[in-house]
Amino acid sequence: MSANQLINMALRMLTRKAVNKGLNAGVKQMSKGNAAQGKLTPEERAARKQAQETAKRAKQAARLARRLGKF
């Protein structure tokens, strides 16, 4: 392996980690919302729960994609 290939490999790994952390933080922020839990209507509470479940599924899919990408 040449030095150029090693540098590119290291940069790809660092970039991938940074992008994944940013995506996870964004998904977490979007699913959390701004309103206090006690002030929500039942419909808003149900929508929030659904958003959190969707975020959880998205994280699982991202993890699975990362695992499959290694092969």
N, C-alpha and C. Protein backbone atom coordinates (compact mmCIF):
# COMPACT_ATOMS: atom_id res chain seq x y z
N MET A 1 0.83 -1.18 0.00
CA MET A 1 0.00 0.00 0.00
C MET A 1 0.88 1.25 0.00
N SER A 2 0.48 2.17 -0.80
CA SER A 2 1.23 3.42 -0.84
C SER A 2 0.74 4.36 0.26
N ALA A 3 1.51 5.40 0.47
CA ALA A 3 1.15 6.37 1.50
C ALA A 3 -0.18 7.06 1.16
N ASN A 4 -0.41 7.29 -0.13
CA ASN A 4 -1.65 7.94 -0.56
C ASN A 4 -2.86 7.09 -0.21
N GLN A 5 -2.77 5.80 -0.42
CA GLN A 5 -3.88 4.90 -0.10
C GLN A 5 -4.15 4.87 1.40
N LEU A 6 -3.08 4.87 2.21
CA LEU A 6 -3.25 4.85 3.66
C LEU A 6 -3.90 6.14 4.15
N ILE A 7 -3.48 7.26 3.60
CA ILE A 7 -4.07 8.55 3.99
C ILE A 7 -5.54 8.59 3.60
N ASN A 8 -5.87 8.16 2.39
CA ASN A 8 -7.26 8.15 1.94
C ASN A 8 -8.12 7.24 2.81
N MET A 9 -7.60 6.09 3.19
CA MET A 9 -8.34 5.15 4.02
C MET A 9 -8.62 5.78 5.39
N ALA A 10 -7.62 6.41 5.99
CA ALA A 10 -7.80 7.04 7.29
C ALA A 10 -8.81 8.18 7.21
N LEU A 11 -8.73 8.98 6.16
CA LEU A 11 -9.68 10.09 5.99
C LEU A 11 -11.10 9.59 5.80
N ARG A 12 -11.29 8.52 5.04
CA ARG A 12 -12.62 7.95 4.85
C ARG A 12 -13.20 7.47 6.17
N MET A 13 -12.37 6.82 6.98
CA MET A 13 -12.84 6.32 8.28
C MET A 13 -13.26 7.48 9.18
N LEU A 14 -12.45 8.53 9.25
CA LEU A 14 -12.78 9.67 10.09
C LEU A 14 -14.02 10.39 9.59
N THR A 15 -14.13 10.54 8.27
CA THR A 15 -15.30 11.21 7.69
C THR A 15 -16.56 10.41 7.98
N ARG A 16 -16.50 9.11 7.83
CA ARG A 16 -17.66 8.25 8.08
C ARG A 16 -18.13 8.38 9.53
N LYS A 17 -17.17 8.37 10.46
CA LYS A 17 -17.54 8.50 11.87
C LYS A 17 -18.17 9.85 12.16
N ALA A 18 -17.61 10.90 11.59
CA ALA A 18 -18.16 12.24 11.83
C ALA A 18 -19.57 12.38 11.26
N VAL A 19 -19.78 11.86 10.05
CA VAL A 19 -21.10 11.95 9.43
C VAL A 19 -22.12 11.14 10.23
N ASN A 20 -21.75 9.96 10.67
CA ASN A 20 -22.67 9.13 11.45
C ASN A 20 -23.04 9.80 12.78
N LYS A 21 -22.06 10.42 13.43
CA LYS A 21 -22.36 11.12 14.69
C LYS A 21 -23.31 12.28 14.44
N GLY A 22 -23.09 13.00 13.36
CA GLY A 22 -23.97 14.13 13.03
C GLY A 22 -25.38 13.66 12.72
N LEU A 23 -25.51 12.59 11.95
CA LEU A 23 -26.83 12.06 11.63
C LEU A 23 -27.55 11.58 12.89
N ASN A 24 -26.83 10.87 13.73
CA ASN A 24 -27.45 10.38 14.96
C ASN A 24 -27.90 11.53 15.85
N ALA A 25 -27.09 12.57 15.95
CA ALA A 25 -27.46 13.73 16.77
C ALA A 25 -28.70 14.42 16.19
N GLY A 26 -28.76 14.53 14.87
CA GLY A 26 -29.90 15.17 14.22
C GLY A 26 -31.18 14.38 14.41
N VAL A 27 -31.10 13.07 14.26
CA VAL A 27 -32.27 12.21 14.45
C VAL A 27 -32.75 12.29 15.90
N LYS A 28 -31.81 12.29 16.83
CA LYS A 28 -32.16 12.38 18.24
C LYS A 28 -32.85 13.71 18.55
N GLN A 29 -32.31 14.80 18.01
CA GLN A 29 -32.88 16.12 18.24
C GLN A 29 -34.27 16.23 17.65
N MET A 30 -34.47 15.72 16.45
CA MET A 30 -35.77 15.80 15.80
C MET A 30 -36.81 14.96 16.53
N SER A 31 -36.42 13.83 17.07
CA SER A 31 -37.38 12.97 17.73
C SER A 31 -37.70 13.47 19.14
N LYS A 32 -36.81 14.26 19.73
CA LYS A 32 -37.02 14.76 21.09
C LYS A 32 -38.06 15.87 21.12
N GLY A 33 -37.96 16.81 20.22
CA GLY A 33 -38.92 17.92 20.18
C GLY A 33 -38.61 18.98 21.22
N ASN A 34 -39.40 20.06 21.24
CA ASN A 34 -39.15 21.18 22.13
C ASN A 34 -40.13 21.27 23.29
N ALA A 35 -41.35 20.78 23.13
CA ALA A 35 -42.39 20.95 24.15
C ALA A 35 -42.12 20.07 25.35
N ALA A 36 -42.59 20.51 26.49
CA ALA A 36 -42.48 19.71 27.70
C ALA A 36 -43.46 18.54 27.61
N GLN A 37 -43.09 17.42 28.17
CA GLN A 37 -43.91 16.21 28.06
C GLN A 37 -45.29 16.40 28.69
N GLY A 38 -45.39 17.12 29.79
CA GLY A 38 -46.66 17.27 30.48
C GLY A 38 -47.65 18.17 29.76
N LYS A 39 -47.22 19.03 28.87
CA LYS A 39 -48.09 19.99 28.21
C LYS A 39 -48.60 19.51 26.85
N LEU A 40 -48.34 18.27 26.49
CA LEU A 40 -48.73 17.76 25.18
C LEU A 40 -50.15 17.20 25.22
N THR A 41 -50.83 17.35 24.10
CA THR A 41 -52.14 16.71 23.97
C THR A 41 -51.93 15.23 23.67
N PRO A 42 -52.94 14.41 23.84
CA PRO A 42 -52.77 12.98 23.54
C PRO A 42 -52.32 12.72 22.10
N GLU A 43 -52.81 13.52 21.15
CA GLU A 43 -52.40 13.33 19.75
C GLU A 43 -50.92 13.64 19.58
N GLU A 44 -50.47 14.74 20.21
CA GLU A 44 -49.05 15.10 20.11
C GLU A 44 -48.17 14.07 20.78
N ARG A 45 -48.66 13.54 21.91
CA ARG A 45 -47.90 12.50 22.62
C ARG A 45 -47.75 11.26 21.75
N ALA A 46 -48.82 10.87 21.06
CA ALA A 46 -48.78 9.69 20.18
C ALA A 46 -47.84 9.94 19.01
N ALA A 47 -47.88 11.16 18.46
CA ALA A 47 -47.01 11.50 17.33
C ALA A 47 -45.55 11.47 17.77
N ARG A 48 -45.28 11.97 18.97
CA ARG A 48 -43.91 11.96 19.47
C ARG A 48 -43.41 10.53 19.65
N LYS A 49 -44.26 9.68 20.21
CA LYS A 49 -43.86 8.28 20.41
C LYS A 49 -43.57 7.61 19.07
N GLN A 50 -44.40 7.88 18.07
CA GLN A 50 -44.19 7.31 16.76
C GLN A 50 -42.89 7.82 16.15
N ALA A 51 -42.58 9.10 16.34
CA ALA A 51 -41.34 9.67 15.82
C ALA A 51 -40.13 9.02 16.49
N GLN A 52 -40.23 8.77 17.79
CA GLN A 52 -39.12 8.13 18.49
C GLN A 52 -38.92 6.69 18.00
N GLU A 53 -40.01 5.98 17.74
CA GLU A 53 -39.89 4.61 17.22
C GLU A 53 -39.29 4.62 15.82
N THR A 54 -39.69 5.59 15.01
CA THR A 54 -39.13 5.71 13.66
C THR A 54 -37.64 6.01 13.74
N ALA A 55 -37.24 6.88 14.65
CA ALA A 55 -35.82 7.20 14.82
C ALA A 55 -35.05 5.96 15.25
N LYS A 56 -35.65 5.17 16.13
CA LYS A 56 -34.99 3.94 16.59
C LYS A 56 -34.79 2.98 15.42
N ARG A 57 -35.83 2.83 14.58
CA ARG A 57 -35.71 1.96 13.42
C ARG A 57 -34.66 2.48 12.44
N ALA A 58 -34.59 3.80 12.27
CA ALA A 58 -33.60 4.38 11.37
C ALA A 58 -32.18 4.12 11.87
N LYS A 59 -31.99 4.23 13.18
CA LYS A 59 -30.67 3.93 13.75
C LYS A 59 -30.30 2.46 13.53
N GLN A 60 -31.27 1.57 13.73
CA GLN A 60 -31.01 0.14 13.53
C GLN A 60 -30.65 -0.13 12.08
N ALA A 61 -31.36 0.50 11.15
CA ALA A 61 -31.08 0.31 9.73
C ALA A 61 -29.69 0.84 9.39
N ALA A 62 -29.31 1.97 9.97
CA ALA A 62 -27.98 2.53 9.72
C ALA A 62 -26.91 1.59 10.25
N ARG A 63 -27.14 1.03 11.44
CA ARG A 63 -26.18 0.08 12.00
C ARG A 63 -26.03 -1.14 11.11
N LEU A 64 -27.17 -1.66 10.63
CA LEU A 64 -27.15 -2.83 9.76
C LEU A 64 -26.41 -2.52 8.46
N ALA A 65 -26.65 -1.34 7.91
CA ALA A 65 -25.99 -0.95 6.66
C ALA A 65 -24.47 -0.85 6.88
N ARG A 66 -24.07 -0.34 8.03
CA ARG A 66 -22.62 -0.24 8.32
C ARG A 66 -22.02 -1.64 8.43
N ARG A 67 -22.76 -2.56 9.08
CA ARG A 67 -22.24 -3.92 9.19
C ARG A 67 -22.11 -4.58 7.82
N LEU A 68 -23.15 -4.43 7.00
CA LEU A 68 -23.12 -5.06 5.68
C LEU A 68 -22.08 -4.41 4.79
N GLY A 69 -21.79 -3.14 5.01
CA GLY A 69 -20.80 -2.44 4.21
C GLY A 69 -19.39 -2.92 4.44
N LYS A 70 -19.15 -3.61 5.55
CA LYS A 70 -17.81 -4.11 5.85
C LYS A 70 -17.44 -5.32 4.99
N PHE A 71 -18.44 -5.98 4.43
CA PHE A 71 -18.16 -7.20 3.67
C PHE A 71 -17.97 -6.94 2.22
